Amino acid sequence: MKFTRIATNEIVGLFAGIGRLFLSVLASIGQVTGFAAKTIVRAATPPYYPGRLLQQLGQLGWLSLPVVGLTAVFTGAALAQQTFTAGSRFNAQSTVPAIVVIGIVRELGPVLVGLMVAGRVSSAMAAELGTMRVTEQLDAMATLRTDPFRYLISPRLFASVIALPLLVLVANSIGIFGGYLIAVHKLGFNAASYLAVTRRFLEPDDFVMALVKAAVFGFFIALMGCYHGFRTEGGAAGVGRATTNAVVSAFILILLSNLLITVAAFG
């Protein structure tokens, strides 16, 4: 009897823990959704801050170009090498240009750019807003009748949605060029035929898919950085937790949304 009672209590405790976790996840989704809706609604009404938007575009877009370019060129070159090595087992080396261009434009370009920018930008947003929260600067702005959602969060959100597609376009071009370099100068491909195959397999829908993914990723990157930074509490330790949570949650949302968009488009 005693053993049965203990086992029953453990089972009940297990399901209670699962239920609490499920409710916590639902509550977090609701809070993030409300935060995003509030930001968009506030951004649709004046006053507007175009200078802040341009400033964030420079920080998100221009300053992210070096890391995005290096990531793209190394990824394109490695993909070409790996495709050639695998294809040589089946006498399919000629598929290298097609696989490189499709893989870079549809998947690797948007996802890698999203992850790299999330690691750089989402953490910076969370740290900056979190520091402003724990030092009561956000409260001071509200006292001076400056809406933090309009002045701080909306420019970051819209700048990220605009900058990410542009970065993905640049990264796709650099990634394809990286595959071209390794294929022509190391693997023995003819330059003209490589470019001809690349153009033949590259379709406008692939670019549209990449831009849609990039815009969604940019929205999640800025949303997670601003959300966790704005809700920071607990001093310097809280700022550290907010930064970590922003990056991890942005990574998860990027990978999840990439899967959903890919399945919806090609499933």
Protein backbone atom coordinates (compact mmCIF):
# COMPACT_ATOMS: atom_id res chain seq x y z
CA MET A 1 0.00 0.00 0.00
CA LYS A 2 2.74 2.39 0.97
CA PHE A 3 4.69 1.65 -2.21
CA THR A 4 1.56 2.19 -4.32
CA ARG A 5 0.89 5.53 -2.61
CA ILE A 6 4.47 6.70 -3.24
CA ALA A 7 4.31 5.68 -6.91
CA THR A 8 0.99 7.46 -7.32
CA ASN A 9 2.38 10.64 -5.76
CA GLU A 10 5.41 10.55 -8.06
CA ILE A 11 3.21 10.13 -11.14
CA VAL A 12 0.95 12.96 -10.03
CA GLY A 13 3.98 15.16 -9.35
CA LEU A 14 5.38 14.37 -12.80
CA PHE A 15 2.19 15.36 -14.60
CA ALA A 16 1.84 18.43 -12.39
CA GLY A 17 5.34 19.52 -13.41
CA ILE A 18 4.53 18.97 -17.09
CA GLY A 19 1.34 20.98 -16.68
CA ARG A 20 3.16 23.86 -15.00
CA LEU A 21 5.76 23.89 -17.78
CA PHE A 22 3.04 23.88 -20.46
CA LEU A 23 1.19 26.75 -18.80
CA SER A 24 4.42 28.68 -18.41
CA VAL A 25 5.17 28.28 -22.12
CA LEU A 26 1.67 29.47 -23.04
CA ALA A 27 2.02 32.46 -20.71
CA SER A 28 5.37 33.37 -22.28
CA ILE A 29 3.92 33.13 -25.79
CA GLY A 30 1.07 35.40 -24.75
CA GLN A 31 3.42 37.95 -23.20
CA VAL A 32 5.68 38.03 -26.28
CA THR A 33 2.67 38.35 -28.59
CA GLY A 34 1.25 41.21 -26.52
CA PHE A 35 4.65 42.93 -26.49
CA ALA A 36 4.94 42.66 -30.29
CA ALA A 37 1.37 43.89 -30.84
CA LYS A 38 1.92 46.84 -28.51
CA THR A 39 5.12 47.78 -30.33
CA ILE A 40 3.47 47.68 -33.77
CA VAL A 41 0.43 49.66 -32.61
CA ARG A 42 2.60 52.33 -30.96
CA ALA A 43 4.79 52.54 -34.07
CA ALA A 44 1.72 53.30 -36.23
CA THR A 45 0.95 56.50 -34.33
CA PRO A 46 3.06 59.67 -34.00
CA PRO A 47 5.52 60.88 -32.95
CA TYR A 48 7.89 59.14 -35.32
CA TYR A 49 11.67 58.96 -35.03
CA PRO A 50 13.19 58.45 -38.53
CA GLY A 51 16.62 59.38 -37.25
CA ARG A 52 16.54 56.51 -34.78
CA LEU A 53 15.47 54.15 -37.59
CA LEU A 54 18.40 55.20 -39.78
CA GLN A 55 20.79 54.83 -36.87
CA GLN A 56 19.58 51.30 -36.18
CA LEU A 57 19.79 50.42 -39.88
CA GLY A 58 23.45 51.38 -39.81
CA GLN A 59 24.17 49.37 -36.68
CA LEU A 60 22.15 46.33 -37.75
CA GLY A 61 23.02 46.30 -41.43
CA TRP A 62 26.29 48.01 -42.21
CA LEU A 63 28.18 46.90 -39.11
CA SER A 64 27.03 43.30 -39.58
CA LEU A 65 28.43 43.05 -43.11
CA PRO A 66 31.94 41.82 -42.17
CA VAL A 67 30.78 38.85 -40.11
CA VAL A 68 28.02 38.04 -42.61
CA GLY A 69 30.43 38.18 -45.56
CA LEU A 70 33.02 35.94 -43.91
CA THR A 71 30.38 33.42 -42.88
CA ALA A 72 28.91 33.32 -46.39
CA VAL A 73 32.16 32.90 -48.30
CA PHE A 74 33.46 30.15 -46.00
CA THR A 75 30.13 28.33 -46.09
CA GLY A 76 29.88 28.48 -49.87
CA ALA A 77 33.41 27.18 -50.30
CA ALA A 78 32.93 24.38 -47.78
CA LEU A 79 29.60 23.36 -49.36
CA ALA A 80 31.21 23.13 -52.80
CA GLN A 81 34.06 21.01 -51.46
CA GLN A 82 31.76 18.66 -49.52
CA THR A 83 29.35 18.30 -52.47
CA PHE A 84 32.21 17.46 -54.81
CA THR A 85 33.63 14.90 -52.37
CA ALA A 86 30.26 13.21 -51.87
CA GLY A 87 29.34 13.41 -55.56
CA SER A 88 32.60 11.79 -56.63
CA ARG A 89 31.44 8.55 -55.00
CA PHE A 90 28.53 8.38 -57.47
CA ASN A 91 30.11 10.14 -60.46
CA ALA A 92 27.89 13.16 -59.80
CA GLN A 93 30.49 15.90 -59.52
CA SER A 94 28.58 18.00 -62.06
CA THR A 95 25.86 18.66 -59.49
CA VAL A 96 28.14 20.95 -57.46
CA PRO A 97 26.96 24.28 -59.00
CA ALA A 98 23.26 23.41 -58.66
CA ILE A 99 23.52 22.18 -55.07
CA VAL A 100 25.64 25.15 -53.99
CA VAL A 101 23.29 27.78 -55.42
CA ILE A 102 20.09 26.09 -54.19
CA GLY A 103 21.53 25.28 -50.78
CA ILE A 104 22.92 28.77 -50.23
CA VAL A 105 19.91 30.75 -51.50
CA ARG A 106 17.11 28.66 -50.02
CA GLU A 107 18.55 27.52 -46.70
CA LEU A 108 22.09 28.24 -45.63
CA GLY A 109 22.16 31.92 -46.56
CA PRO A 110 19.06 33.05 -44.64
CA VAL A 111 19.59 30.73 -41.67
CA LEU A 112 23.28 31.45 -41.14
CA VAL A 113 22.80 35.19 -41.55
CA GLY A 114 19.91 35.05 -39.10
CA LEU A 115 21.95 33.14 -36.52
CA MET A 116 25.03 35.32 -36.88
CA VAL A 117 23.07 38.56 -36.66
CA ALA A 118 21.06 37.20 -33.72
CA GLY A 119 24.26 36.46 -31.84
CA ARG A 120 25.55 39.96 -32.52
CA VAL A 121 22.42 42.12 -32.49
CA SER A 122 19.87 40.43 -30.25
CA SER A 123 22.35 40.21 -27.40
CA ALA A 124 23.33 43.86 -27.85
CA MET A 125 19.70 44.97 -27.79
CA ALA A 126 18.96 42.98 -24.66
CA ALA A 127 22.08 44.28 -22.91
CA GLU A 128 21.40 47.92 -23.81
CA LEU A 129 17.72 47.90 -22.88
CA GLY A 130 18.39 45.76 -19.83
CA THR A 131 20.97 48.24 -18.57
CA MET A 132 18.54 51.07 -19.15
CA ARG A 133 15.90 49.17 -17.19
CA VAL A 134 18.02 48.39 -14.13
CA THR A 135 19.42 51.94 -14.04
CA GLU A 136 15.86 53.32 -14.29
CA GLN A 137 16.50 55.19 -17.53
CA LEU A 138 13.35 53.72 -19.05
CA ASP A 139 11.32 55.03 -16.12
CA ALA A 140 12.91 58.44 -16.58
CA MET A 141 11.91 58.44 -20.27
CA ALA A 142 8.32 57.66 -19.32
CA THR A 143 8.40 60.48 -16.78
CA LEU A 144 9.54 62.87 -19.53
CA ARG A 145 6.67 61.64 -21.74
CA THR A 146 8.93 59.85 -24.20
CA ASP A 147 7.40 56.50 -25.09
CA PRO A 148 10.13 53.80 -24.94
CA PHE A 149 8.16 51.67 -27.39
CA ARG A 150 8.17 54.40 -30.04
CA TYR A 151 11.66 55.74 -29.35
CA LEU A 152 13.66 52.58 -28.55
CA ILE A 153 11.83 49.42 -29.60
CA SER A 154 9.97 50.26 -32.82
CA PRO A 155 13.06 51.57 -34.67
CA ARG A 156 14.97 48.42 -33.75
CA LEU A 157 12.13 46.16 -34.85
CA PHE A 158 11.57 47.79 -38.23
CA ALA A 159 15.28 48.28 -38.90
CA SER A 160 15.87 44.57 -38.33
CA VAL A 161 13.03 43.61 -40.69
CA ILE A 162 14.50 45.89 -43.37
CA ALA A 163 18.20 45.09 -42.85
CA LEU A 164 18.02 41.29 -42.73
CA PRO A 165 16.73 40.80 -46.30
CA LEU A 166 19.45 43.12 -47.59
CA LEU A 167 22.10 41.21 -45.65
CA VAL A 168 20.77 37.91 -46.98
CA LEU A 169 20.98 39.17 -50.57
CA VAL A 170 24.62 40.13 -50.00
CA ALA A 171 25.37 36.85 -48.20
CA ASN A 172 23.81 34.76 -50.98
CA SER A 173 25.95 36.49 -53.59
CA ILE A 174 29.11 36.08 -51.53
CA GLY A 175 28.28 32.45 -50.71
CA ILE A 176 27.77 31.58 -54.36
CA PHE A 177 31.03 33.35 -55.17
CA GLY A 178 32.81 31.33 -52.49
CA GLY A 179 31.57 28.10 -54.05
CA TYR A 180 32.66 29.37 -57.47
CA LEU A 181 36.18 30.13 -56.23
CA ILE A 182 36.78 26.71 -54.70
CA ALA A 183 35.17 24.89 -57.65
CA VAL A 184 37.09 26.72 -60.38
CA HIS A 185 40.48 27.16 -58.71
CA LYS A 186 40.71 23.90 -56.76
CA LEU A 187 38.23 21.36 -58.10
CA GLY A 188 38.91 21.95 -61.81
CA PHE A 189 35.53 23.25 -62.98
CA ASN A 190 35.27 25.41 -66.07
CA ALA A 191 34.32 28.95 -65.04
CA ALA A 192 31.86 29.60 -67.88
CA SER A 193 30.04 26.27 -67.51
CA TYR A 194 29.88 26.65 -63.73
CA LEU A 195 28.21 30.05 -64.04
CA ALA A 196 25.86 28.77 -66.74
CA VAL A 197 24.65 25.91 -64.52
CA THR A 198 24.28 28.30 -61.60
CA ARG A 199 22.07 30.65 -63.64
CA ARG A 200 20.00 27.76 -64.99
CA PHE A 201 19.14 26.38 -61.56
CA LEU A 202 18.60 29.73 -59.81
CA GLU A 203 14.92 30.71 -59.96
CA PRO A 204 13.15 33.92 -58.84
CA ASP A 205 11.09 31.94 -56.32
CA ASP A 206 14.30 31.04 -54.52
CA PHE A 207 15.08 34.71 -53.96
CA VAL A 208 11.53 35.38 -52.79
CA MET A 209 11.80 32.50 -50.33
CA ALA A 210 15.10 33.84 -49.00
CA LEU A 211 13.72 37.36 -48.53
CA VAL A 212 10.58 36.13 -46.75
CA LYS A 213 12.67 34.05 -44.37
CA ALA A 214 15.04 36.95 -43.76
CA ALA A 215 12.20 39.34 -42.88
CA VAL A 216 10.70 36.83 -40.44
CA PHE A 217 14.11 36.16 -38.88
CA GLY A 218 14.76 39.87 -38.52
CA PHE A 219 11.45 40.35 -36.74
CA PHE A 220 12.24 37.59 -34.25
CA ILE A 221 15.80 38.81 -33.66
CA ALA A 222 14.73 42.32 -32.69
CA LEU A 223 11.62 41.14 -30.85
CA MET A 224 13.53 38.77 -28.58
CA GLY A 225 16.30 41.25 -27.89
CA CYS A 226 13.89 44.05 -27.01
CA TYR A 227 11.47 41.82 -25.09
CA HIS A 228 14.06 40.30 -22.78
CA GLY A 229 15.93 43.58 -22.37
CA PHE A 230 12.77 45.55 -21.58
CA ARG A 231 11.71 43.04 -18.92
CA THR A 232 15.10 42.81 -17.22
CA GLU A 233 15.20 42.78 -13.44
CA GLY A 234 17.81 41.90 -10.84
CA GLY A 235 20.69 44.25 -11.56
CA ALA A 236 23.80 43.22 -13.49
CA ALA A 237 23.00 39.50 -13.13
CA GLY A 238 19.59 40.17 -14.63
CA VAL A 239 21.18 41.88 -17.63
CA GLY A 240 23.33 38.78 -18.19
CA ARG A 241 20.30 36.50 -18.01
CA ALA A 242 18.35 38.71 -20.40
CA THR A 243 21.20 38.67 -22.92
CA THR A 244 21.46 34.89 -22.81
CA ASN A 245 17.71 34.39 -23.02
CA ALA A 246 17.45 36.78 -25.96
CA VAL A 247 20.05 34.93 -28.02
CA VAL A 248 18.75 31.44 -27.20
CA SER A 249 15.12 32.32 -27.87
CA ALA A 250 16.05 34.08 -31.13
CA PHE A 251 17.98 30.99 -32.27
CA ILE A 252 15.05 28.70 -31.48
CA LEU A 253 12.52 30.91 -33.27
CA ILE A 254 14.77 31.24 -36.32
CA LEU A 255 15.20 27.49 -36.68
CA LEU A 256 11.52 26.77 -35.98
CA SER A 257 10.21 29.40 -38.40
CA ASN A 258 12.68 28.23 -41.05
CA LEU A 259 11.28 24.72 -40.79
CA LEU A 260 7.67 25.92 -40.94
CA ILE A 261 8.26 28.19 -43.93
CA THR A 262 10.18 25.49 -45.80
CA VAL A 263 7.49 22.87 -45.18
CA ALA A 264 4.74 25.31 -46.15
CA ALA A 265 6.52 26.28 -49.39
CA PHE A 266 7.81 22.89 -50.53
CA GLY A 267 5.76 20.38 -48.55
